[in-house]
């Protein structure tokens, strides 16, 4: 949406890397077991919106 000055009005910050990995894989047809196997193998990054960014201590 645009604000009164014609600039893009962003309602929230951009997603963190890996934040929507599981959702995207489901949209592309991956089954739960496949996603879990990819996660267990370290092949995908998964981050929840509540996780602290990787650069924080």
C-alpha atoms as a PDB file:
ATOM      1  CA  UNK A   1       0.000   0.000   0.000  1.00  0.00           C
ATOM      2  CA  UNK A   2       1.127   3.540  -0.608  1.00  0.00           C
ATOM      3  CA  UNK A   3       1.118   6.311   1.963  1.00  0.00           C
ATOM      4  CA  UNK A   4      -0.188   9.838   1.322  1.00  0.00           C
ATOM      5  CA  UNK A   5       3.130  10.808  -0.322  1.00  0.00           C
ATOM      6  CA  UNK A   6       3.022   7.875  -2.752  1.00  0.00           C
ATOM      7  CA  UNK A   7       5.732   5.903  -0.940  1.00  0.00           C
ATOM      8  CA  UNK A   8       5.403   2.230  -0.163  1.00  0.00           C
ATOM      9  CA  UNK A   9       4.024   1.790   3.363  1.00  0.00           C
ATOM     10  CA  UNK A  10       5.478  -1.393   4.858  1.00  0.00           C
ATOM     11  CA  UNK A  11       3.353  -2.869   7.621  1.00  0.00           C
ATOM     12  CA  UNK A  12       6.080  -5.107   9.090  1.00  0.00           C
ATOM     13  CA  UNK A  13       9.774  -5.891   8.679  1.00  0.00           C
ATOM     14  CA  UNK A  14      11.046  -8.369   6.100  1.00  0.00           C
ATOM     15  CA  UNK A  15      11.149 -12.041   7.017  1.00  0.00           C
ATOM     16  CA  UNK A  16      14.359 -13.450   8.470  1.00  0.00           C
ATOM     17  CA  UNK A  17      16.282 -16.040   6.427  1.00  0.00           C
ATOM     18  CA  UNK A  18      14.620 -19.418   6.903  1.00  0.00           C
ATOM     19  CA  UNK A  19      11.518 -17.971   8.540  1.00  0.00           C
ATOM     20  CA  UNK A  20       9.120 -19.313   5.890  1.00  0.00           C
ATOM     21  CA  UNK A  21      11.101 -22.337   4.685  1.00  0.00           C
ATOM     22  CA  UNK A  22       8.589 -24.941   5.842  1.00  0.00           C
ATOM     23  CA  UNK A  23       5.640 -23.027   4.384  1.00  0.00           C
ATOM     24  CA  UNK A  24       7.385 -22.627   1.033  1.00  0.00           C
ATOM     25  CA  UNK A  25       8.319 -26.305   0.861  1.00  0.00           C
ATOM     26  CA  UNK A  26       4.716 -27.278   1.633  1.00  0.00           C
ATOM     27  CA  UNK A  27       3.501 -24.941  -1.121  1.00  0.00           C
ATOM     28  CA  UNK A  28       5.891 -26.694  -3.517  1.00  0.00           C
ATOM     29  CA  UNK A  29       4.456 -30.119  -2.614  1.00  0.00           C
ATOM     30  CA  UNK A  30       6.900 -31.434  -0.006  1.00  0.00           C
ATOM     31  CA  UNK A  31       5.402 -33.749   2.618  1.00  0.00           C
ATOM     32  CA  UNK A  32       6.034 -33.370   6.368  1.00  0.00           C
ATOM     33  CA  UNK A  33       8.393 -36.375   6.462  1.00  0.00           C
ATOM     34  CA  UNK A  34      10.446 -34.948   3.584  1.00  0.00           C
ATOM     35  CA  UNK A  35      10.743 -31.553   5.296  1.00  0.00           C
ATOM     36  CA  UNK A  36      11.761 -33.204   8.566  1.00  0.00           C
ATOM     37  CA  UNK A  37      14.397 -35.278   6.755  1.00  0.00           C
ATOM     38  CA  UNK A  38      15.806 -32.166   5.077  1.00  0.00           C
ATOM     39  CA  UNK A  39      15.949 -30.419   8.459  1.00  0.00           C
ATOM     40  CA  UNK A  40      17.605 -33.391  10.151  1.00  0.00           C
ATOM     41  CA  UNK A  41      20.213 -33.535   7.387  1.00  0.00           C
ATOM     42  CA  UNK A  42      20.942 -29.823   7.815  1.00  0.00           C
ATOM     43  CA  UNK A  43      19.913 -29.185   4.205  1.00  0.00           C
ATOM     44  CA  UNK A  44      17.469 -26.404   5.080  1.00  0.00           C
ATOM     45  CA  UNK A  45      17.421 -23.554   7.547  1.00  0.00           C
ATOM     46  CA  UNK A  46      14.321 -23.091   9.601  1.00  0.00           C
ATOM     47  CA  UNK A  47      13.725 -20.091  11.802  1.00  0.00           C
ATOM     48  CA  UNK A  48      10.590 -19.029  13.600  1.00  0.00           C
ATOM     49  CA  UNK A  49       9.645 -15.358  13.822  1.00  0.00           C
ATOM     50  CA  UNK A  50      10.235 -15.555  17.592  1.00  0.00           C
ATOM     51  CA  UNK A  51      13.793 -16.930  17.252  1.00  0.00           C
ATOM     52  CA  UNK A  52      16.594 -14.495  17.970  1.00  0.00           C
ATOM     53  CA  UNK A  53      18.555 -13.362  14.920  1.00  0.00           C
ATOM     54  CA  UNK A  54      21.748 -15.364  14.368  1.00  0.00           C
ATOM     55  CA  UNK A  55      23.940 -12.315  15.014  1.00  0.00           C
ATOM     56  CA  UNK A  56      22.754 -11.834  18.610  1.00  0.00           C
ATOM     57  CA  UNK A  57      24.488 -13.427  21.555  1.00  0.00           C
END
